Amino acid sequence: MFVPGEYDAVANDRLYVDGDISQSVRLVRVLNRMEALILPRAIAAQAVKRYPEIPTPAKVRAGALIYARLARNLFNGGRS
């Protein structure tokens, strides 16, 4: 079986994993969910393999919370 190197994987927009595969799969699922929450549907649908069905009010609340935490961390210099 051919296993591409790190540079080949990045060049072909694939994931290069060095470590526990199950943890990597979980991380990718979390990142896909995060992209679906913070990006508009038209963009997120192209970025993720399967766009999850998220009701609009829930998406707006979750996205607002994510951006609020990001802003708080930026203004606090990373302190909680």
N, C-alpha and C. Protein backbone atom coordinates (compact mmCIF):
# COMPACT_ATOMS: atom_id res chain seq x y z
N MET A 1 0.84 -1.18 0.00
CA MET A 1 0.00 0.00 0.00
C MET A 1 0.88 1.24 0.00
N PHE A 2 0.54 2.19 -0.82
CA PHE A 2 1.30 3.43 -0.93
C PHE A 2 0.83 4.41 0.14
N VAL A 3 1.75 4.93 0.91
CA VAL A 3 1.45 5.94 1.92
C VAL A 3 2.20 7.20 1.55
N PRO A 4 1.45 8.26 1.21
CA PRO A 4 2.14 9.48 0.78
C PRO A 4 2.85 10.16 1.94
N GLY A 5 3.87 10.90 1.63
CA GLY A 5 4.57 11.66 2.65
C GLY A 5 3.77 12.89 3.05
N GLU A 6 4.28 13.59 4.02
CA GLU A 6 3.57 14.76 4.55
C GLU A 6 3.37 15.82 3.47
N TYR A 7 4.39 16.11 2.68
CA TYR A 7 4.29 17.15 1.66
C TYR A 7 3.30 16.76 0.56
N ASP A 8 3.31 15.47 0.18
CA ASP A 8 2.35 15.01 -0.83
C ASP A 8 0.92 15.10 -0.31
N ALA A 9 0.71 14.76 0.96
CA ALA A 9 -0.62 14.81 1.55
C ALA A 9 -1.13 16.25 1.59
N VAL A 10 -0.29 17.18 1.98
CA VAL A 10 -0.69 18.59 2.05
C VAL A 10 -0.96 19.12 0.64
N ALA A 11 -0.12 18.76 -0.31
CA ALA A 11 -0.29 19.24 -1.69
C ALA A 11 -1.59 18.74 -2.31
N ASN A 12 -2.02 17.56 -1.95
CA ASN A 12 -3.25 16.98 -2.49
C ASN A 12 -4.45 17.22 -1.59
N ASP A 13 -4.32 18.13 -0.62
CA ASP A 13 -5.40 18.49 0.30
C ASP A 13 -5.90 17.27 1.07
N ARG A 14 -4.97 16.46 1.53
CA ARG A 14 -5.30 15.29 2.34
C ARG A 14 -4.72 15.48 3.73
N LEU A 15 -5.11 14.59 4.64
CA LEU A 15 -4.67 14.69 6.02
C LEU A 15 -3.50 13.75 6.25
N TYR A 16 -2.46 14.27 6.86
CA TYR A 16 -1.30 13.47 7.24
C TYR A 16 -1.36 13.26 8.74
N VAL A 17 -1.39 11.98 9.18
CA VAL A 17 -1.54 11.68 10.59
C VAL A 17 -0.31 10.93 11.09
N ASP A 18 0.26 11.43 12.16
CA ASP A 18 1.36 10.75 12.81
C ASP A 18 0.94 10.52 14.25
N GLY A 19 0.35 9.37 14.51
CA GLY A 19 -0.14 9.09 15.86
C GLY A 19 -1.40 8.24 15.82
N ASP A 20 -2.22 8.39 16.83
CA ASP A 20 -3.43 7.58 17.00
C ASP A 20 -4.49 7.98 15.97
N ILE A 21 -4.89 7.02 15.13
CA ILE A 21 -5.86 7.28 14.07
C ILE A 21 -7.23 7.63 14.66
N SER A 22 -7.66 6.94 15.70
CA SER A 22 -8.99 7.20 16.25
C SER A 22 -9.10 8.62 16.82
N GLN A 23 -8.03 9.10 17.45
CA GLN A 23 -8.03 10.47 17.95
C GLN A 23 -8.06 11.47 16.79
N SER A 24 -7.38 11.14 15.71
CA SER A 24 -7.35 12.01 14.53
C SER A 24 -8.73 12.10 13.89
N VAL A 25 -9.43 10.97 13.82
CA VAL A 25 -10.78 10.96 13.25
C VAL A 25 -11.71 11.82 14.09
N ARG A 26 -11.59 11.72 15.41
CA ARG A 26 -12.41 12.56 16.29
C ARG A 26 -12.11 14.04 16.08
N LEU A 27 -10.85 14.37 15.95
CA LEU A 27 -10.47 15.76 15.74
C LEU A 27 -11.04 16.28 14.42
N VAL A 28 -10.97 15.49 13.36
CA VAL A 28 -11.50 15.90 12.07
C VAL A 28 -13.01 16.13 12.17
N ARG A 29 -13.71 15.27 12.89
CA ARG A 29 -15.16 15.45 13.07
C ARG A 29 -15.46 16.74 13.81
N VAL A 30 -14.69 17.05 14.83
CA VAL A 30 -14.88 18.29 15.58
C VAL A 30 -14.61 19.49 14.68
N LEU A 31 -13.55 19.43 13.89
CA LEU A 31 -13.23 20.54 12.98
C LEU A 31 -14.31 20.73 11.92
N ASN A 32 -14.86 19.63 11.40
CA ASN A 32 -15.95 19.72 10.43
C ASN A 32 -17.17 20.39 11.05
N ARG A 33 -17.50 20.01 12.28
CA ARG A 33 -18.64 20.61 12.97
C ARG A 33 -18.38 22.11 13.20
N MET A 34 -17.17 22.45 13.59
CA MET A 34 -16.81 23.84 13.82
C MET A 34 -16.94 24.65 12.53
N GLU A 35 -16.45 24.11 11.42
CA GLU A 35 -16.58 24.80 10.14
C GLU A 35 -18.04 25.00 9.76
N ALA A 36 -18.86 23.99 10.03
CA ALA A 36 -20.29 24.10 9.72
C ALA A 36 -20.96 25.17 10.57
N LEU A 37 -20.46 25.39 11.78
CA LEU A 37 -21.07 26.38 12.66
C LEU A 37 -20.64 27.81 12.33
N ILE A 38 -19.38 28.01 11.98
CA ILE A 38 -18.89 29.39 11.83
C ILE A 38 -18.89 29.90 10.40
N LEU A 39 -19.04 29.01 9.43
CA LEU A 39 -19.05 29.44 8.03
C LEU A 39 -20.46 29.45 7.47
N PRO A 40 -20.74 30.31 6.49
CA PRO A 40 -22.03 30.25 5.82
C PRO A 40 -22.21 28.89 5.14
N ARG A 41 -23.46 28.45 5.02
CA ARG A 41 -23.73 27.11 4.49
C ARG A 41 -23.10 26.88 3.12
N ALA A 42 -23.16 27.87 2.23
CA ALA A 42 -22.64 27.70 0.87
C ALA A 42 -21.14 27.39 0.89
N ILE A 43 -20.42 28.01 1.79
CA ILE A 43 -18.97 27.78 1.89
C ILE A 43 -18.68 26.50 2.66
N ALA A 44 -19.38 26.30 3.77
CA ALA A 44 -19.13 25.12 4.60
C ALA A 44 -19.47 23.83 3.87
N ALA A 45 -20.51 23.85 3.04
CA ALA A 45 -20.90 22.65 2.30
C ALA A 45 -19.79 22.20 1.35
N GLN A 46 -19.00 23.14 0.87
CA GLN A 46 -17.88 22.79 0.00
C GLN A 46 -16.66 22.35 0.81
N ALA A 47 -16.57 22.81 2.04
CA ALA A 47 -15.39 22.54 2.86
C ALA A 47 -15.46 21.20 3.57
N VAL A 48 -16.66 20.72 3.88
CA VAL A 48 -16.80 19.47 4.62
C VAL A 48 -17.40 18.40 3.72
N LYS A 49 -17.14 17.16 4.09
CA LYS A 49 -17.62 16.04 3.28
C LYS A 49 -19.14 15.93 3.35
N ARG A 50 -19.67 16.03 4.55
CA ARG A 50 -21.12 15.92 4.74
C ARG A 50 -21.55 17.04 5.67
N TYR A 51 -22.38 17.95 5.15
CA TYR A 51 -22.82 19.09 5.94
C TYR A 51 -23.91 18.63 6.92
N PRO A 52 -23.71 18.86 8.22
CA PRO A 52 -24.73 18.42 9.19
C PRO A 52 -25.95 19.34 9.15
N GLU A 53 -27.11 18.77 9.40
CA GLU A 53 -28.34 19.55 9.47
C GLU A 53 -28.40 20.24 10.83
N ILE A 54 -28.20 21.55 10.83
CA ILE A 54 -28.22 22.35 12.04
C ILE A 54 -29.31 23.40 11.87
N PRO A 55 -30.27 23.45 12.78
CA PRO A 55 -31.29 24.50 12.67
C PRO A 55 -30.64 25.89 12.74
N THR A 56 -31.18 26.82 11.99
CA THR A 56 -30.59 28.16 11.89
C THR A 56 -30.43 28.84 13.25
N PRO A 57 -31.46 28.83 14.14
CA PRO A 57 -31.25 29.49 15.44
C PRO A 57 -30.10 28.88 16.24
N ALA A 58 -29.98 27.56 16.19
CA ALA A 58 -28.90 26.89 16.92
C ALA A 58 -27.54 27.25 16.31
N LYS A 59 -27.49 27.35 14.98
CA LYS A 59 -26.24 27.70 14.31
C LYS A 59 -25.83 29.13 14.66
N VAL A 60 -26.79 30.03 14.68
CA VAL A 60 -26.48 31.43 15.00
C VAL A 60 -25.99 31.55 16.44
N ARG A 61 -26.67 30.86 17.37
CA ARG A 61 -26.25 30.91 18.78
C ARG A 61 -24.86 30.35 18.96
N ALA A 62 -24.62 29.17 18.39
CA ALA A 62 -23.31 28.53 18.55
C ALA A 62 -22.21 29.36 17.89
N GLY A 63 -22.48 29.89 16.70
CA GLY A 63 -21.48 30.73 16.03
C GLY A 63 -21.18 31.99 16.81
N ALA A 64 -22.22 32.61 17.36
CA ALA A 64 -22.02 33.82 18.17
C ALA A 64 -21.18 33.51 19.41
N LEU A 65 -21.44 32.37 20.03
CA LEU A 65 -20.67 31.99 21.22
C LEU A 65 -19.20 31.75 20.87
N ILE A 66 -18.95 31.10 19.75
CA ILE A 66 -17.58 30.84 19.32
C ILE A 66 -16.85 32.15 19.05
N TYR A 67 -17.50 33.06 18.31
CA TYR A 67 -16.86 34.33 18.00
C TYR A 67 -16.70 35.20 19.25
N ALA A 68 -17.64 35.12 20.19
CA ALA A 68 -17.51 35.88 21.44
C ALA A 68 -16.32 35.39 22.25
N ARG A 69 -16.14 34.08 22.32
CA ARG A 69 -14.99 33.54 23.04
C ARG A 69 -13.68 33.91 22.36
N LEU A 70 -13.69 33.90 21.04
CA LEU A 70 -12.50 34.29 20.29
C LEU A 70 -12.15 35.75 20.58
N ALA A 71 -13.14 36.62 20.54
CA ALA A 71 -12.90 38.04 20.81
C ALA A 71 -12.42 38.25 22.24
N ARG A 72 -13.03 37.53 23.19
CA ARG A 72 -12.62 37.66 24.59
C ARG A 72 -11.17 37.25 24.76
N ASN A 73 -10.78 36.15 24.13
CA ASN A 73 -9.40 35.68 24.22
C ASN A 73 -8.43 36.65 23.56
N LEU A 74 -8.85 37.27 22.46
CA LEU A 74 -7.97 38.24 21.81
C LEU A 74 -7.75 39.46 22.68
N PHE A 75 -8.81 39.94 23.33
CA PHE A 75 -8.69 41.13 24.16
C PHE A 75 -8.01 40.85 25.49
N ASN A 76 -8.15 39.63 26.00
CA ASN A 76 -7.52 39.26 27.26
C ASN A 76 -6.10 38.75 27.08
N GLY A 77 -5.63 38.69 25.87
CA GLY A 77 -4.28 38.19 25.63
C GLY A 77 -4.15 36.70 25.87
N GLY A 78 -5.23 35.94 25.68
CA GLY A 78 -5.19 34.49 25.85
C GLY A 78 -5.50 34.01 27.24
N ARG A 79 -5.72 34.92 28.18
CA ARG A 79 -6.04 34.50 29.54
C ARG A 79 -7.54 34.23 29.64
N SER A 80 -7.92 33.28 30.45
CA SER A 80 -9.35 32.95 30.62
C SER A 80 -10.10 33.96 31.42
